[in-house]
């Protein structure tokens, strides 16, 4: 446990450096796109991306990290930031489109040839399918909260890093079918996204319900840690579970309500927005193909 705490500073520095590099690449691509009226990314998407990156920093490199091995509630806040809050905000920023424009010419040429390979395209379609996204996110959520696996991550720096990485990765996968950023072009009906979000609440409901109503401590590792706060391990567990239950329910409700409003709204407006989005995607793909042919 002590070795993990001693390495927090270096890990935070590496995380901050990675986030700065990612943000710089995004801003470079955003500026390039901003001179093209057709493919430009609006300012609100830039703000959304930077806010999402800030939340990743909050989960991985902020002072919050110092207490993640003492309170399950803090641990849960990290999980929520990485899997529930940061990914949709980052995806709303159209990151892949900005990254593509921000890359050097030679890198775009290499990636264009790579993405044209049949097995890469097949793997991408399989990985981004809503069923696969749901399964992966559910397995990550439940798997890391199994007491034995949770304890392993608490005692191992490497496994703790893997845990956080998989939460962030699963978050991006989960939100991909919902946000549908470039270059995705989903043919699924809009109502299926509402069903997708509803089904995604079930693993959370099961896990949080168990932790809230349990009379025993699910993670005995916290019993061995000195308490520097004013509530017990069991109260900490119940608080963490209630936080997860409430946050996920509210966050999933927001896109479900937005989609429902669009479905109940004028069909002409929906058709116009869909046509505009498909035109945007087609032009972006043409641009990528031309770059790959250079």
C-alpha atoms as a PDB file:
ATOM      1  CA  UNK A   1       0.000   0.000   0.000  1.00  0.00           C
ATOM      2  CA  UNK A   2       2.796   2.413   0.858  1.00  0.00           C
ATOM      3  CA  UNK A   3       4.609   1.909  -2.449  1.00  0.00           C
ATOM      4  CA  UNK A   4       1.477   2.855  -4.265  1.00  0.00           C
ATOM      5  CA  UNK A   5       1.146   6.121  -2.373  1.00  0.00           C
ATOM      6  CA  UNK A   6       4.784   7.009  -3.020  1.00  0.00           C
ATOM      7  CA  UNK A   7       4.267   6.659  -6.769  1.00  0.00           C
ATOM      8  CA  UNK A   8       1.237   8.924  -6.928  1.00  0.00           C
ATOM      9  CA  UNK A   9       3.317  12.003  -7.788  1.00  0.00           C
ATOM     10  CA  UNK A  10       5.080  10.457 -10.779  1.00  0.00           C
ATOM     11  CA  UNK A  11       1.874   8.857 -12.034  1.00  0.00           C
ATOM     12  CA  UNK A  12       0.068  12.187 -11.799  1.00  0.00           C
ATOM     13  CA  UNK A  13       2.830  13.925 -13.721  1.00  0.00           C
ATOM     14  CA  UNK A  14       2.640  11.335 -16.501  1.00  0.00           C
ATOM     15  CA  UNK A  15      -1.125  11.683 -16.644  1.00  0.00           C
ATOM     16  CA  UNK A  16      -0.969  15.484 -16.840  1.00  0.00           C
ATOM     17  CA  UNK A  17       1.632  15.302 -19.618  1.00  0.00           C
ATOM     18  CA  UNK A  18      -0.518  12.854 -21.597  1.00  0.00           C
ATOM     19  CA  UNK A  19      -3.620  15.026 -21.184  1.00  0.00           C
ATOM     20  CA  UNK A  20      -1.707  18.144 -22.283  1.00  0.00           C
ATOM     21  CA  UNK A  21      -0.454  16.360 -25.411  1.00  0.00           C
ATOM     22  CA  UNK A  22      -3.931  15.070 -26.268  1.00  0.00           C
ATOM     23  CA  UNK A  23      -5.461  18.503 -25.749  1.00  0.00           C
ATOM     24  CA  UNK A  24      -2.758  20.139 -27.856  1.00  0.00           C
ATOM     25  CA  UNK A  25      -3.388  17.713 -30.709  1.00  0.00           C
ATOM     26  CA  UNK A  26      -7.123  18.373 -30.487  1.00  0.00           C
ATOM     27  CA  UNK A  27      -6.653  22.154 -30.493  1.00  0.00           C
ATOM     28  CA  UNK A  28      -4.343  21.925 -33.490  1.00  0.00           C
ATOM     29  CA  UNK A  29      -6.947  19.991 -35.444  1.00  0.00           C
ATOM     30  CA  UNK A  30      -9.758  22.246 -34.225  1.00  0.00           C
ATOM     31  CA  UNK A  31      -7.947  25.329 -35.515  1.00  0.00           C
ATOM     32  CA  UNK A  32      -7.355  23.702 -38.886  1.00  0.00           C
ATOM     33  CA  UNK A  33     -11.010  22.748 -39.183  1.00  0.00           C
ATOM     34  CA  UNK A  34     -12.126  26.195 -38.105  1.00  0.00           C
ATOM     35  CA  UNK A  35     -11.014  27.680 -41.424  1.00  0.00           C
ATOM     36  CA  UNK A  36     -13.349  25.258 -43.241  1.00  0.00           C
ATOM     37  CA  UNK A  37     -16.956  26.442 -42.716  1.00  0.00           C
ATOM     38  CA  UNK A  38     -18.403  23.049 -43.698  1.00  0.00           C
ATOM     39  CA  UNK A  39     -16.364  20.814 -41.380  1.00  0.00           C
ATOM     40  CA  UNK A  40     -15.643  23.233 -38.530  1.00  0.00           C
ATOM     41  CA  UNK A  41     -16.270  22.069 -34.975  1.00  0.00           C
ATOM     42  CA  UNK A  42     -18.447  24.541 -33.001  1.00  0.00           C
ATOM     43  CA  UNK A  43     -17.036  26.232 -29.944  1.00  0.00           C
ATOM     44  CA  UNK A  44     -19.405  24.419 -27.595  1.00  0.00           C
ATOM     45  CA  UNK A  45     -17.909  21.101 -28.716  1.00  0.00           C
ATOM     46  CA  UNK A  46     -14.422  22.421 -27.960  1.00  0.00           C
ATOM     47  CA  UNK A  47     -15.625  23.411 -24.498  1.00  0.00           C
ATOM     48  CA  UNK A  48     -17.191  19.988 -23.983  1.00  0.00           C
ATOM     49  CA  UNK A  49     -13.956  18.229 -24.941  1.00  0.00           C
ATOM     50  CA  UNK A  50     -11.813  20.345 -22.624  1.00  0.00           C
ATOM     51  CA  UNK A  51     -14.278  19.863 -19.768  1.00  0.00           C
ATOM     52  CA  UNK A  52     -14.163  16.095 -20.298  1.00  0.00           C
ATOM     53  CA  UNK A  53     -10.356  16.130 -20.264  1.00  0.00           C
ATOM     54  CA  UNK A  54     -10.483  18.174 -17.042  1.00  0.00           C
ATOM     55  CA  UNK A  55     -12.656  15.493 -15.445  1.00  0.00           C
ATOM     56  CA  UNK A  56     -10.138  12.821 -16.452  1.00  0.00           C
ATOM     57  CA  UNK A  57      -7.486  14.934 -14.734  1.00  0.00           C
ATOM     58  CA  UNK A  58      -9.764  15.172 -11.696  1.00  0.00           C
ATOM     59  CA  UNK A  59     -10.025  11.386 -11.513  1.00  0.00           C
ATOM     60  CA  UNK A  60      -6.382  10.538 -12.177  1.00  0.00           C
ATOM     61  CA  UNK A  61      -4.135  13.414 -11.143  1.00  0.00           C
ATOM     62  CA  UNK A  62      -6.013  15.819  -8.863  1.00  0.00           C
ATOM     63  CA  UNK A  63      -5.778  15.901  -5.032  1.00  0.00           C
ATOM     64  CA  UNK A  64      -8.747  13.517  -5.076  1.00  0.00           C
ATOM     65  CA  UNK A  65      -6.308  10.680  -5.797  1.00  0.00           C
ATOM     66  CA  UNK A  66      -4.757  10.996  -2.338  1.00  0.00           C
ATOM     67  CA  UNK A  67      -7.921   9.651  -0.666  1.00  0.00           C
ATOM     68  CA  UNK A  68      -8.960   6.931  -3.111  1.00  0.00           C
ATOM     69  CA  UNK A  69      -7.388   4.231  -0.926  1.00  0.00           C
ATOM     70  CA  UNK A  70      -9.082   5.452   2.245  1.00  0.00           C
ATOM     71  CA  UNK A  71     -12.676   6.010   1.162  1.00  0.00           C
ATOM     72  CA  UNK A  72     -14.813   3.889  -1.148  1.00  0.00           C
ATOM     73  CA  UNK A  73     -16.843   7.036  -1.883  1.00  0.00           C
ATOM     74  CA  UNK A  74     -13.775   8.738  -3.379  1.00  0.00           C
ATOM     75  CA  UNK A  75     -12.988   5.550  -5.290  1.00  0.00           C
ATOM     76  CA  UNK A  76     -16.533   5.607  -6.663  1.00  0.00           C
ATOM     77  CA  UNK A  77     -16.235   9.269  -7.671  1.00  0.00           C
ATOM     78  CA  UNK A  78     -13.176   8.331  -9.712  1.00  0.00           C
ATOM     79  CA  UNK A  79     -15.086   5.541 -11.429  1.00  0.00           C
ATOM     80  CA  UNK A  80     -17.995   7.845 -12.227  1.00  0.00           C
ATOM     81  CA  UNK A  81     -15.713  10.524 -13.659  1.00  0.00           C
ATOM     82  CA  UNK A  82     -13.860   8.024 -15.839  1.00  0.00           C
ATOM     83  CA  UNK A  83     -16.817   5.994 -17.065  1.00  0.00           C
ATOM     84  CA  UNK A  84     -19.927   8.172 -16.835  1.00  0.00           C
ATOM     85  CA  UNK A  85     -19.041  11.864 -17.041  1.00  0.00           C
ATOM     86  CA  UNK A  86     -15.780  12.383 -18.952  1.00  0.00           C
ATOM     87  CA  UNK A  87     -16.309  10.062 -21.974  1.00  0.00           C
ATOM     88  CA  UNK A  88     -19.578  11.581 -23.280  1.00  0.00           C
ATOM     89  CA  UNK A  89     -18.216  15.109 -22.868  1.00  0.00           C
ATOM     90  CA  UNK A  90     -15.056  14.208 -24.777  1.00  0.00           C
ATOM     91  CA  UNK A  91     -16.990  12.401 -27.516  1.00  0.00           C
ATOM     92  CA  UNK A  92     -19.319  15.380 -27.941  1.00  0.00           C
ATOM     93  CA  UNK A  93     -16.213  17.333 -28.934  1.00  0.00           C
ATOM     94  CA  UNK A  94     -15.835  15.234 -32.118  1.00  0.00           C
ATOM     95  CA  UNK A  95     -12.336  14.184 -30.992  1.00  0.00           C
ATOM     96  CA  UNK A  96     -11.458  11.799 -33.824  1.00  0.00           C
ATOM     97  CA  UNK A  97     -12.239  14.400 -36.469  1.00  0.00           C
ATOM     98  CA  UNK A  98     -10.079  16.977 -34.674  1.00  0.00           C
ATOM     99  CA  UNK A  99      -7.290  14.471 -33.981  1.00  0.00           C
ATOM    100  CA  UNK A 100      -7.259  13.453 -37.644  1.00  0.00           C
ATOM    101  CA  UNK A 101      -6.754  17.034 -38.747  1.00  0.00           C
ATOM    102  CA  UNK A 102      -4.197  17.631 -36.002  1.00  0.00           C
ATOM    103  CA  UNK A 103      -1.929  14.745 -37.028  1.00  0.00           C
ATOM    104  CA  UNK A 104       1.069  15.308 -39.304  1.00  0.00           C
ATOM    105  CA  UNK A 105       0.620  14.382 -42.971  1.00  0.00           C
ATOM    106  CA  UNK A 106       2.736  11.204 -42.795  1.00  0.00           C
ATOM    107  CA  UNK A 107       0.759   9.918 -39.803  1.00  0.00           C
ATOM    108  CA  UNK A 108      -2.535  10.427 -41.648  1.00  0.00           C
ATOM    109  CA  UNK A 109      -1.166   8.573 -44.664  1.00  0.00           C
ATOM    110  CA  UNK A 110      -0.116   5.605 -42.522  1.00  0.00           C
ATOM    111  CA  UNK A 111      -3.417   5.493 -40.622  1.00  0.00           C
ATOM    112  CA  UNK A 112      -5.439   5.818 -43.841  1.00  0.00           C
ATOM    113  CA  UNK A 113      -3.794   2.672 -45.221  1.00  0.00           C
ATOM    114  CA  UNK A 114      -4.238   0.898 -41.888  1.00  0.00           C
ATOM    115  CA  UNK A 115      -7.961   1.746 -41.659  1.00  0.00           C
ATOM    116  CA  UNK A 116      -8.512   0.484 -45.200  1.00  0.00           C
ATOM    117  CA  UNK A 117      -7.488  -3.051 -44.187  1.00  0.00           C
ATOM    118  CA  UNK A 118     -10.475  -5.388 -44.141  1.00  0.00           C
ATOM    119  CA  UNK A 119      -9.778  -6.968 -40.750  1.00  0.00           C
ATOM    120  CA  UNK A 120      -9.325  -3.531 -39.131  1.00  0.00           C
ATOM    121  CA  UNK A 121     -12.677  -2.366 -40.488  1.00  0.00           C
ATOM    122  CA  UNK A 122     -14.335  -5.610 -39.359  1.00  0.00           C
ATOM    123  CA  UNK A 123     -12.838  -5.294 -35.872  1.00  0.00           C
ATOM    124  CA  UNK A 124     -13.966  -1.666 -35.635  1.00  0.00           C
ATOM    125  CA  UNK A 125     -17.547  -2.527 -36.604  1.00  0.00           C
ATOM    126  CA  UNK A 126     -17.624  -5.427 -34.150  1.00  0.00           C
ATOM    127  CA  UNK A 127     -16.160  -3.398 -31.276  1.00  0.00           C
ATOM    128  CA  UNK A 128     -18.497  -0.426 -31.833  1.00  0.00           C
ATOM    129  CA  UNK A 129     -21.678  -2.510 -32.086  1.00  0.00           C
ATOM    130  CA  UNK A 130     -24.127  -1.517 -29.314  1.00  0.00           C
ATOM    131  CA  UNK A 131     -24.370  -5.075 -27.988  1.00  0.00           C
ATOM    132  CA  UNK A 132     -20.593  -5.349 -27.652  1.00  0.00           C
ATOM    133  CA  UNK A 133     -20.381  -1.884 -26.072  1.00  0.00           C
ATOM    134  CA  UNK A 134     -23.047  -2.831 -23.525  1.00  0.00           C
ATOM    135  CA  UNK A 135     -21.408  -6.156 -22.669  1.00  0.00           C
ATOM    136  CA  UNK A 136     -17.944  -4.666 -22.227  1.00  0.00           C
ATOM    137  CA  UNK A 137     -19.153  -1.812 -20.025  1.00  0.00           C
ATOM    138  CA  UNK A 138     -21.251  -4.157 -17.877  1.00  0.00           C
ATOM    139  CA  UNK A 139     -18.375  -6.619 -17.423  1.00  0.00           C
ATOM    140  CA  UNK A 140     -15.966  -3.839 -16.463  1.00  0.00           C
ATOM    141  CA  UNK A 141     -18.416  -2.335 -13.976  1.00  0.00           C
ATOM    142  CA  UNK A 142     -19.302  -5.623 -12.282  1.00  0.00           C
ATOM    143  CA  UNK A 143     -15.891  -7.276 -12.655  1.00  0.00           C
ATOM    144  CA  UNK A 144     -13.860  -4.616 -10.858  1.00  0.00           C
ATOM    145  CA  UNK A 145     -16.378  -4.521  -7.994  1.00  0.00           C
ATOM    146  CA  UNK A 146     -15.993  -8.222  -7.221  1.00  0.00           C
ATOM    147  CA  UNK A 147     -14.356  -8.113  -3.749  1.00  0.00           C
ATOM    148  CA  UNK A 148     -11.335 -10.260  -4.673  1.00  0.00           C
ATOM    149  CA  UNK A 149     -10.605  -8.250  -7.827  1.00  0.00           C
ATOM    150  CA  UNK A 150     -11.209  -4.945  -6.033  1.00  0.00           C
ATOM    151  CA  UNK A 151      -8.744  -5.939  -3.298  1.00  0.00           C
ATOM    152  CA  UNK A 152      -6.156  -6.909  -5.919  1.00  0.00           C
ATOM    153  CA  UNK A 153      -6.375  -3.429  -7.466  1.00  0.00           C
ATOM    154  CA  UNK A 154      -6.087  -1.821  -4.039  1.00  0.00           C
ATOM    155  CA  UNK A 155      -2.824  -3.643  -3.269  1.00  0.00           C
ATOM    156  CA  UNK A 156      -1.186  -3.461  -6.686  1.00  0.00           C
ATOM    157  CA  UNK A 157      -0.110  -0.295  -8.464  1.00  0.00           C
ATOM    158  CA  UNK A 158      -0.140  -2.030 -11.842  1.00  0.00           C
ATOM    159  CA  UNK A 159      -3.623  -3.482 -11.403  1.00  0.00           C
ATOM    160  CA  UNK A 160      -4.896  -0.166 -10.084  1.00  0.00           C
ATOM    161  CA  UNK A 161      -3.666   1.526 -13.273  1.00  0.00           C
ATOM    162  CA  UNK A 162      -5.293  -1.194 -15.387  1.00  0.00           C
ATOM    163  CA  UNK A 163      -8.534  -0.722 -13.465  1.00  0.00           C
ATOM    164  CA  UNK A 164      -8.673   3.002 -14.215  1.00  0.00           C
ATOM    165  CA  UNK A 165      -7.686   2.476 -17.849  1.00  0.00           C
ATOM    166  CA  UNK A 166     -10.407  -0.096 -18.411  1.00  0.00           C
ATOM    167  CA  UNK A 167     -13.007   2.142 -16.774  1.00  0.00           C
ATOM    168  CA  UNK A 168     -12.108   4.993 -19.121  1.00  0.00           C
ATOM    169  CA  UNK A 169     -11.958   2.729 -22.167  1.00  0.00           C
ATOM    170  CA  UNK A 170     -15.269   1.062 -21.318  1.00  0.00           C
ATOM    171  CA  UNK A 171     -16.781   4.515 -20.835  1.00  0.00           C
ATOM    172  CA  UNK A 172     -15.814   5.546 -24.357  1.00  0.00           C
ATOM    173  CA  UNK A 173     -17.185   2.288 -25.767  1.00  0.00           C
ATOM    174  CA  UNK A 174     -20.440   2.631 -23.865  1.00  0.00           C
ATOM    175  CA  UNK A 175     -21.110   6.197 -24.988  1.00  0.00           C
ATOM    176  CA  UNK A 176     -20.040   5.650 -28.601  1.00  0.00           C
ATOM    177  CA  UNK A 177     -23.463   4.351 -29.797  1.00  0.00           C
ATOM    178  CA  UNK A 178     -25.207   7.138 -27.871  1.00  0.00           C
ATOM    179  CA  UNK A 179     -23.165  10.152 -28.992  1.00  0.00           C
ATOM    180  CA  UNK A 180     -22.381   8.707 -32.475  1.00  0.00           C
ATOM    181  CA  UNK A 181     -19.397  10.865 -33.365  1.00  0.00           C
ATOM    182  CA  UNK A 182     -17.451  10.855 -36.635  1.00  0.00           C
ATOM    183  CA  UNK A 183     -16.782   8.465 -38.332  1.00  0.00           C
ATOM    184  CA  UNK A 184     -19.709   6.416 -36.997  1.00  0.00           C
ATOM    185  CA  UNK A 185     -22.830   6.305 -39.165  1.00  0.00           C
ATOM    186  CA  UNK A 186     -25.341   4.265 -37.189  1.00  0.00           C
ATOM    187  CA  UNK A 187     -28.369   2.804 -38.941  1.00  0.00           C
ATOM    188  CA  UNK A 188     -30.004   1.790 -35.660  1.00  0.00           C
ATOM    189  CA  UNK A 189     -33.414   3.401 -34.946  1.00  0.00           C
ATOM    190  CA  UNK A 190     -33.347   6.166 -32.358  1.00  0.00           C
ATOM    191  CA  UNK A 191     -35.662   4.329 -29.985  1.00  0.00           C
ATOM    192  CA  UNK A 192     -33.080   1.535 -29.676  1.00  0.00           C
ATOM    193  CA  UNK A 193     -30.725   4.008 -27.971  1.00  0.00           C
ATOM    194  CA  UNK A 194     -33.345   4.611 -25.285  1.00  0.00           C
ATOM    195  CA  UNK A 195     -33.595   0.846 -24.740  1.00  0.00           C
ATOM    196  CA  UNK A 196     -29.791   0.654 -24.682  1.00  0.00           C
ATOM    197  CA  UNK A 197     -29.598   3.270 -21.930  1.00  0.00           C
ATOM    198  CA  UNK A 198     -32.364   1.605 -19.925  1.00  0.00           C
ATOM    199  CA  UNK A 199     -30.670  -1.803 -20.063  1.00  0.00           C
ATOM    200  CA  UNK A 200     -27.388  -0.189 -19.054  1.00  0.00           C
ATOM    201  CA  UNK A 201     -28.917   0.886 -15.744  1.00  0.00           C
ATOM    202  CA  UNK A 202     -29.593  -2.730 -14.751  1.00  0.00           C
ATOM    203  CA  UNK A 203     -26.004  -3.758 -13.801  1.00  0.00           C
ATOM    204  CA  UNK A 204     -25.674  -0.495 -11.884  1.00  0.00           C
ATOM    205  CA  UNK A 205     -28.970  -1.062 -10.088  1.00  0.00           C
ATOM    206  CA  UNK A 206     -27.961  -4.563  -9.062  1.00  0.00           C
ATOM    207  CA  UNK A 207     -24.514  -3.532  -7.811  1.00  0.00           C
ATOM    208  CA  UNK A 208     -25.547  -0.332  -6.052  1.00  0.00           C
ATOM    209  CA  UNK A 209     -28.640  -1.957  -4.540  1.00  0.00           C
ATOM    210  CA  UNK A 210     -26.517  -4.738  -3.082  1.00  0.00           C
ATOM    211  CA  UNK A 211     -24.003  -2.302  -1.598  1.00  0.00           C
ATOM    212  CA  UNK A 212     -26.642   0.094  -0.227  1.00  0.00           C
ATOM    213  CA  UNK A 213     -28.817  -2.496   1.504  1.00  0.00           C
ATOM    214  CA  UNK A 214     -26.071  -4.870   2.641  1.00  0.00           C
ATOM    215  CA  UNK A 215     -25.518  -5.135   6.392  1.00  0.00           C
ATOM    216  CA  UNK A 216     -21.917  -6.292   5.947  1.00  0.00           C
ATOM    217  CA  UNK A 217     -18.814  -4.677   4.512  1.00  0.00           C
ATOM    218  CA  UNK A 218     -18.271  -5.879   0.949  1.00  0.00           C
ATOM    219  CA  UNK A 219     -14.607  -4.833   0.805  1.00  0.00           C
ATOM    220  CA  UNK A 220     -12.793  -5.847   4.033  1.00  0.00           C
ATOM    221  CA  UNK A 221      -9.618  -4.121   2.796  1.00  0.00           C
ATOM    222  CA  UNK A 222     -11.056  -0.828   4.076  1.00  0.00           C
ATOM    223  CA  UNK A 223     -11.288  -2.290   7.598  1.00  0.00           C
ATOM    224  CA  UNK A 224      -7.480  -2.374   7.772  1.00  0.00           C
ATOM    225  CA  UNK A 225      -7.085   1.300   6.846  1.00  0.00           C
ATOM    226  CA  UNK A 226      -7.116   3.951   9.599  1.00  0.00           C
ATOM    227  CA  UNK A 227     -10.242   6.102   9.449  1.00  0.00           C
ATOM    228  CA  UNK A 228      -9.583   9.830   9.139  1.00  0.00           C
ATOM    229  CA  UNK A 229     -13.180  10.748   8.446  1.00  0.00           C
ATOM    230  CA  UNK A 230     -16.341  10.895  10.513  1.00  0.00           C
ATOM    231  CA  UNK A 231     -18.193   7.808   9.295  1.00  0.00           C
ATOM    232  CA  UNK A 232     -17.728   4.059   9.390  1.00  0.00           C
ATOM    233  CA  UNK A 233     -16.678   1.688   6.608  1.00  0.00           C
ATOM    234  CA  UNK A 234     -20.260   0.513   6.181  1.00  0.00           C
ATOM    235  CA  UNK A 235     -21.567   4.059   5.975  1.00  0.00           C
ATOM    236  CA  UNK A 236     -18.855   4.855   3.431  1.00  0.00           C
ATOM    237  CA  UNK A 237     -19.962   1.845   1.374  1.00  0.00           C
ATOM    238  CA  UNK A 238     -23.603   2.905   1.446  1.00  0.00           C
ATOM    239  CA  UNK A 239     -22.711   6.487   0.511  1.00  0.00           C
ATOM    240  CA  UNK A 240     -20.608   5.326  -2.454  1.00  0.00           C
ATOM    241  CA  UNK A 241     -23.362   3.041  -3.717  1.00  0.00           C
ATOM    242  CA  UNK A 242     -26.053   5.700  -3.350  1.00  0.00           C
ATOM    243  CA  UNK A 243     -23.857   8.165  -5.249  1.00  0.00           C
ATOM    244  CA  UNK A 244     -23.365   5.709  -8.111  1.00  0.00           C
ATOM    245  CA  UNK A 245     -27.066   4.837  -8.221  1.00  0.00           C
ATOM    246  CA  UNK A 246     -28.172   8.471  -8.313  1.00  0.00           C
ATOM    247  CA  UNK A 247     -25.546   9.805 -10.741  1.00  0.00           C
ATOM    248  CA  UNK A 248     -25.884   7.060 -13.338  1.00  0.00           C
ATOM    249  CA  UNK A 249     -29.681   7.232 -13.270  1.00  0.00           C
ATOM    250  CA  UNK A 250     -29.677  10.999 -13.827  1.00  0.00           C
ATOM    251  CA  UNK A 251     -26.901  10.999 -16.450  1.00  0.00           C
ATOM    252  CA  UNK A 252     -28.545   8.228 -18.503  1.00  0.00           C
ATOM    253  CA  UNK A 253     -31.874  10.007 -18.248  1.00  0.00           C
ATOM    254  CA  UNK A 254     -30.520  13.149 -19.972  1.00  0.00           C
ATOM    255  CA  UNK A 255     -29.777  11.621 -23.421  1.00  0.00           C
ATOM    256  CA  UNK A 256     -32.854   9.397 -23.173  1.00  0.00           C
ATOM    257  CA  UNK A 257     -35.031  12.454 -22.638  1.00  0.00           C
ATOM    258  CA  UNK A 258     -33.289  14.335 -25.474  1.00  0.00           C
ATOM    259  CA  UNK A 259     -33.812  11.446 -27.893  1.00  0.00           C
ATOM    260  CA  UNK A 260     -37.438  11.062 -26.818  1.00  0.00           C
ATOM    261  CA  UNK A 261     -38.021  14.770 -27.454  1.00  0.00           C
ATOM    262  CA  UNK A 262     -36.588  14.456 -30.961  1.00  0.00           C
ATOM    263  CA  UNK A 263     -38.693  11.379 -31.702  1.00  0.00           C
ATOM    264  CA  UNK A 264     -41.834  13.206 -30.596  1.00  0.00           C
ATOM    265  CA  UNK A 265     -40.881  16.393 -32.445  1.00  0.00           C
ATOM    266  CA  UNK A 266     -41.513  17.327 -36.107  1.00  0.00           C
ATOM    267  CA  UNK A 267     -40.214  14.649 -38.443  1.00  0.00           C
ATOM    268  CA  UNK A 268     -39.129  17.219 -41.022  1.00  0.00           C
ATOM    269  CA  UNK A 269     -36.657  18.739 -38.590  1.00  0.00           C
ATOM    270  CA  UNK A 270     -35.263  15.304 -37.719  1.00  0.00           C
ATOM    271  CA  UNK A 271     -34.841  14.468 -41.374  1.00  0.00           C
ATOM    272  CA  UNK A 272     -33.061  17.742 -42.057  1.00  0.00           C
ATOM    273  CA  UNK A 273     -30.624  17.198 -39.177  1.00  0.00           C
ATOM    274  CA  UNK A 274     -29.963  13.618 -40.276  1.00  0.00           C
ATOM    275  CA  UNK A 275     -29.265  14.701 -43.848  1.00  0.00           C
ATOM    276  CA  UNK A 276     -26.938  17.445 -42.633  1.00  0.00           C
ATOM    277  CA  UNK A 277     -25.026  15.017 -40.409  1.00  0.00           C
ATOM    278  CA  UNK A 278     -24.651  12.435 -43.183  1.00  0.00           C
ATOM    279  CA  UNK A 279     -23.388  15.161 -45.534  1.00  0.00           C
ATOM    280  CA  UNK A 280     -20.850  16.187 -42.899  1.00  0.00           C
ATOM    281  CA  UNK A 281     -19.678  12.571 -42.458  1.00  0.00           C
ATOM    282  CA  UNK A 282     -19.458  11.978 -46.217  1.00  0.00           C
ATOM    283  CA  UNK A 283     -17.329  15.086 -46.728  1.00  0.00           C
ATOM    284  CA  UNK A 284     -15.060  14.142 -43.826  1.00  0.00           C
ATOM    285  CA  UNK A 285     -14.572  10.613 -45.164  1.00  0.00           C
ATOM    286  CA  UNK A 286     -13.795  11.958 -48.616  1.00  0.00           C
ATOM    287  CA  UNK A 287     -11.176  14.192 -47.063  1.00  0.00           C
ATOM    288  CA  UNK A 288      -9.650  11.212 -45.235  1.00  0.00           C
ATOM    289  CA  UNK A 289      -9.575   9.101 -48.397  1.00  0.00           C
ATOM    290  CA  UNK A 290      -7.887  11.867 -50.345  1.00  0.00           C
ATOM    291  CA  UNK A 291      -5.254  12.221 -47.653  1.00  0.00           C
ATOM    292  CA  UNK A 292      -4.641   8.483 -47.729  1.00  0.00           C
ATOM    293  CA  UNK A 293      -4.126   8.546 -51.481  1.00  0.00           C
ATOM    294  CA  UNK A 294      -1.380  11.148 -51.268  1.00  0.00           C
END
